[in-house]
Protein backbone atom coordinates (compact mmCIF):
# COMPACT_ATOMS: atom_id res chain seq x y z
CA MET A 1 0.00 0.00 0.00
CA LYS A 2 2.83 2.35 0.88
CA ASN A 3 4.65 1.59 -2.38
CA LEU A 4 1.46 2.14 -4.37
CA LYS A 5 1.07 5.61 -2.86
CA TYR A 6 4.65 6.54 -3.84
CA LEU A 7 4.14 5.09 -7.31
CA LEU A 8 1.01 7.19 -7.85
CA ILE A 9 2.78 10.36 -6.68
CA PHE A 10 5.72 9.58 -8.97
CA ILE A 11 3.45 9.03 -12.00
CA PHE A 12 1.54 12.22 -11.24
CA VAL A 13 4.73 14.28 -11.07
CA LEU A 14 6.02 12.83 -14.33
CA SER A 15 2.78 13.45 -16.18
CA CYS A 16 2.16 17.02 -15.05
CA GLY A 17 4.15 18.56 -17.93
CA TYR A 18 6.63 20.50 -15.84
CA THR A 19 9.37 22.24 -17.82
CA PRO A 20 11.91 24.67 -16.38
CA ILE A 21 11.45 28.31 -17.37
CA TYR A 22 15.10 29.25 -17.70
CA GLN A 23 16.25 26.03 -19.29
CA SER A 24 14.53 25.04 -22.47
CA ASP A 25 15.52 22.95 -25.48
CA LYS A 26 13.50 25.25 -27.69
CA LYS A 27 15.82 27.69 -29.45
CA LEU A 28 14.79 31.26 -30.09
CA ASN A 29 13.98 32.16 -33.66
CA ILE A 30 16.45 35.07 -33.67
CA LYS A 31 19.92 35.81 -35.01
CA LEU A 32 22.02 38.67 -33.68
CA ASP A 33 24.14 40.18 -36.41
CA ILE A 34 25.78 43.15 -34.73
CA ILE A 35 26.24 43.50 -31.00
CA SER A 36 27.33 46.98 -29.96
CA PHE A 37 27.95 47.87 -26.36
CA SER A 38 28.54 51.02 -24.37
CA GLY A 39 29.02 51.44 -20.67
CA ASP A 40 30.76 49.44 -17.96
CA LYS A 41 33.28 46.92 -19.36
CA GLY A 42 32.86 44.43 -16.50
CA ILE A 43 29.17 44.11 -17.24
CA GLU A 44 29.88 43.92 -20.97
CA ARG A 45 31.84 40.68 -20.74
CA GLU A 46 29.07 38.86 -18.91
CA ILE A 47 26.32 40.09 -21.22
CA VAL A 48 28.15 39.48 -24.50
CA LYS A 49 28.97 35.96 -23.31
CA ASN A 50 25.24 35.34 -22.91
CA PHE A 51 24.37 36.56 -26.42
CA GLU A 52 27.08 34.63 -28.28
CA LYS A 53 24.71 31.68 -28.69
CA TYR A 54 22.42 33.81 -30.88
CA LYS A 55 25.18 34.82 -33.34
CA ASP A 56 25.36 31.43 -35.08
CA SER A 57 21.64 30.87 -35.43
CA ASP A 58 20.08 29.93 -38.78
CA SER A 59 17.08 32.20 -38.27
CA ASP A 60 15.71 34.65 -40.83
CA ASN A 61 14.97 37.16 -38.05
CA ILE A 62 18.23 39.09 -38.04
CA PHE A 63 18.52 41.81 -35.41
CA ASP A 64 21.17 44.32 -34.42
CA LEU A 65 21.58 44.45 -30.64
CA ILE A 66 22.57 47.66 -28.89
CA ILE A 67 23.33 47.46 -25.18
CA ASN A 68 23.96 50.33 -22.79
CA ALA A 69 24.94 49.34 -19.26
CA SER A 70 25.61 51.48 -16.24
CA LYS A 71 26.60 50.76 -12.66
CA LYS A 72 26.03 53.21 -9.84
CA GLU A 73 27.06 52.86 -6.21
CA ASP A 74 25.81 55.24 -3.55
CA ILE A 75 26.44 55.53 0.16
CA VAL A 76 23.15 55.05 1.99
CA THR A 77 24.20 55.58 5.61
CA LYS A 78 27.28 56.80 7.49
CA ASP A 79 28.39 56.45 11.10
CA LYS A 80 29.33 59.32 13.45
CA LYS A 81 32.88 59.42 12.07
CA GLY A 82 31.66 59.79 8.50
CA ASN A 83 32.54 56.25 7.40
CA ALA A 84 30.06 54.50 5.14
CA THR A 85 28.06 51.75 6.87
CA SER A 86 25.81 50.72 3.99
CA TYR A 87 25.83 51.06 0.22
CA LYS A 88 23.34 50.79 -2.60
CA LEU A 89 24.40 49.19 -5.90
CA ILE A 90 22.25 49.88 -8.95
CA LEU A 91 22.72 48.15 -12.32
CA GLU A 92 20.81 49.44 -15.36
CA ILE A 93 20.92 47.73 -18.73
CA ASP A 94 19.11 49.14 -21.76
CA ILE A 95 18.73 46.83 -24.74
CA SER A 96 17.54 47.76 -28.18
CA LEU A 97 16.78 45.23 -30.92
CA ASN A 98 16.59 46.65 -34.45
CA ASN A 99 15.54 44.69 -37.53
CA ASN A 100 16.43 46.58 -40.71
CA THR A 101 14.52 44.29 -43.09
CA ASN A 102 11.04 44.80 -41.63
CA ASN A 103 11.73 47.93 -39.51
CA LYS A 104 10.82 46.37 -36.18
CA ASN A 105 12.45 47.91 -33.12
CA PHE A 106 12.16 46.74 -29.54
CA THR A 107 13.64 48.50 -26.51
CA LYS A 108 13.56 47.64 -22.83
CA LYS A 109 15.32 48.79 -19.67
CA PHE A 110 16.30 46.29 -16.98
CA THR A 111 17.20 47.54 -13.50
CA LYS A 112 18.35 45.78 -10.36
CA ALA A 113 19.19 47.49 -7.07
CA MET A 114 20.64 46.01 -3.91
CA THR A 115 21.54 47.53 -0.55
CA PHE A 116 24.34 45.96 1.48
CA ASN A 117 26.25 46.69 4.68
CA SER A 118 29.89 47.67 4.84
CA LYS A 119 32.54 45.35 6.23
CA ASN A 120 35.59 46.14 8.35
CA ASN A 121 37.94 44.43 5.92
CA LYS A 122 38.08 46.34 2.61
CA PHE A 123 39.20 43.26 0.67
CA GLU A 124 36.16 41.30 1.89
CA LEU A 125 33.95 44.28 1.01
CA ASP A 126 35.35 44.38 -2.53
CA GLN A 127 34.90 40.62 -2.95
CA TYR A 128 31.34 40.85 -1.65
CA ARG A 129 30.63 43.72 -4.04
CA VAL A 130 31.99 41.73 -7.02
CA ASN A 131 29.91 38.65 -6.11
CA LEU A 132 26.83 40.78 -5.63
CA GLU A 133 27.35 42.42 -9.02
CA LYS A 134 27.74 39.03 -10.73
CA ASN A 135 24.52 37.78 -9.13
CA MET A 136 22.65 40.91 -10.19
CA ILE A 137 23.94 40.56 -13.78
CA SER A 138 22.82 36.93 -13.77
CA GLN A 139 19.32 37.95 -12.65
CA ILE A 140 19.13 40.62 -15.35
CA LEU A 141 20.26 38.12 -17.99
CA GLN A 142 17.48 35.76 -16.92
CA ASP A 143 15.01 38.65 -17.27
CA ILE A 144 16.39 39.49 -20.73
CA ASN A 145 16.09 35.87 -21.87
CA ILE A 146 12.48 35.74 -20.66
CA TYR A 147 11.79 39.04 -22.44
CA LEU A 148 13.24 37.65 -25.69
CA ARG A 149 11.13 34.50 -25.40
CA ASN A 150 7.98 36.59 -24.89
CA LEU A 151 8.98 38.88 -27.75
CA GLU A 152 9.40 35.96 -30.13
CA ASN A 153 5.66 36.06 -30.94
CA ASP A 154 6.06 39.62 -32.30
CA PHE A 155 8.86 38.80 -34.75
């Protein structure tokens, strides 16, 4: 009886049609011809690495991709001595897709902001800041990929 219950749960889970959102075998029907970038170079490397898979596509939908990225870090609070105790990191990425054959243009701005506390050790603070920035870029890239999948119906 116990095994039958587990078997029914297992069959139900397999037959529910679950597919991951961020990981799909379905390729986008898009080819990126020109990728131009302006802004922060550290962000550029991560983003361009993500879009390399669309350069070799066999699609007829050929787009030029223009990316503008900016990173801003502000001090949120200070202690009595004037030392920063917390920071706010803001990443903004503007993408623009332009198709010259059928004059379709799509633009979107992606923004992520995170507030974090300062650390006594400056090396640890810099390492934390770098890891936080990488995580924020990864989240924005997931949002961009979802946006492109939703946009595929408009091509």
